[in-house]
Amino acid sequence: MAGLTPKQEAFARAYVETGNASEAYRRSYDVTTEASEWVKVEACKLLTDPNVALTVIELQEKARERTLVTVES
């Protein structure tokens, strides 16, 4: 997760947790406004950032591995 700001890392983690980019953006950037179009645009920008996208993929893979271990146990 190199090269990410703390907020970008929080966004990636929240996105993997919720599966919703707008909600992840609201959580990680402390958005109090209901301007949903603005939030959607900013969330999409973050998802296209190569470092953020790579972090999301890495976190999803780790989550998948944990799920498989739990199911196998």
Protein backbone atom coordinates (compact mmCIF):
# COMPACT_ATOMS: atom_id res chain seq x y z
CA MET A 1 0.00 0.00 0.00
CA ALA A 2 2.89 2.24 -0.77
CA GLY A 3 2.35 5.67 -2.16
CA LEU A 4 -1.11 6.23 -0.68
CA THR A 5 -2.19 9.02 1.58
CA PRO A 6 -3.94 7.94 4.79
CA LYS A 7 -7.28 9.00 3.28
CA GLN A 8 -6.66 7.04 0.09
CA GLU A 9 -5.82 3.95 2.13
CA ALA A 10 -8.95 4.46 4.23
CA PHE A 11 -10.96 4.77 1.01
CA ALA A 12 -9.54 1.51 -0.36
CA ARG A 13 -10.32 -0.33 2.87
CA ALA A 14 -13.85 1.13 3.08
CA TYR A 15 -14.47 0.27 -0.58
CA VAL A 16 -13.49 -3.37 -0.03
CA GLU A 17 -15.64 -3.47 3.10
CA THR A 18 -18.76 -1.89 1.61
CA GLY A 19 -18.44 -2.46 -2.13
CA ASN A 20 -19.73 1.08 -2.62
CA ALA A 21 -17.32 3.75 -3.84
CA SER A 22 -19.50 6.70 -2.83
CA GLU A 23 -19.96 5.36 0.70
CA ALA A 24 -16.25 4.64 0.97
CA TYR A 25 -15.49 8.21 -0.10
CA ARG A 26 -17.93 9.65 2.46
CA ARG A 27 -16.37 7.58 5.24
CA SER A 28 -12.75 8.26 4.43
CA TYR A 29 -12.99 11.93 3.51
CA ASP A 30 -15.49 12.93 6.23
CA VAL A 31 -18.06 14.24 3.76
CA THR A 32 -21.03 15.82 5.48
CA THR A 33 -22.84 17.09 2.40
CA GLU A 34 -25.40 15.08 0.48
CA ALA A 35 -24.06 16.25 -2.91
CA SER A 36 -24.16 12.74 -4.31
CA GLU A 37 -23.02 13.61 -7.84
CA TRP A 38 -19.88 15.30 -6.54
CA VAL A 39 -19.13 12.35 -4.25
CA LYS A 40 -19.61 9.89 -7.13
CA VAL A 41 -17.20 11.83 -9.34
CA GLU A 42 -14.52 12.00 -6.66
CA ALA A 43 -14.95 8.32 -5.75
CA CYS A 44 -14.59 7.30 -9.40
CA LYS A 45 -11.43 9.39 -9.72
CA LEU A 46 -9.95 7.57 -6.75
CA LEU A 47 -10.80 4.15 -8.19
CA THR A 48 -8.94 5.02 -11.39
CA ASP A 49 -5.79 6.02 -9.51
CA PRO A 50 -3.34 3.15 -10.18
CA ASN A 51 -2.07 2.99 -6.58
CA VAL A 52 -5.57 2.98 -5.13
CA ALA A 53 -6.78 0.38 -7.65
CA LEU A 54 -3.83 -1.88 -6.86
CA THR A 55 -4.46 -1.53 -3.14
CA VAL A 56 -8.12 -2.44 -3.62
CA ILE A 57 -7.12 -5.57 -5.56
CA GLU A 58 -4.60 -6.56 -2.88
CA LEU A 59 -7.14 -6.06 -0.09
CA GLN A 60 -9.79 -8.04 -1.99
CA GLU A 61 -7.34 -10.92 -2.45
CA LYS A 62 -6.49 -10.92 1.26
CA ALA A 63 -10.19 -10.90 2.13
CA ARG A 64 -10.78 -13.83 -0.24
CA GLU A 65 -7.95 -15.79 1.36
CA ARG A 66 -9.32 -15.17 4.86
CA THR A 67 -12.77 -16.28 3.71
CA LEU A 68 -11.40 -19.49 2.21
CA VAL A 69 -9.47 -20.30 5.37
CA THR A 70 -12.60 -19.75 7.44
CA VAL A 71 -14.76 -21.90 5.15
CA GLU A 72 -12.18 -24.67 5.06
CA SER A 73 -11.85 -24.64 8.83
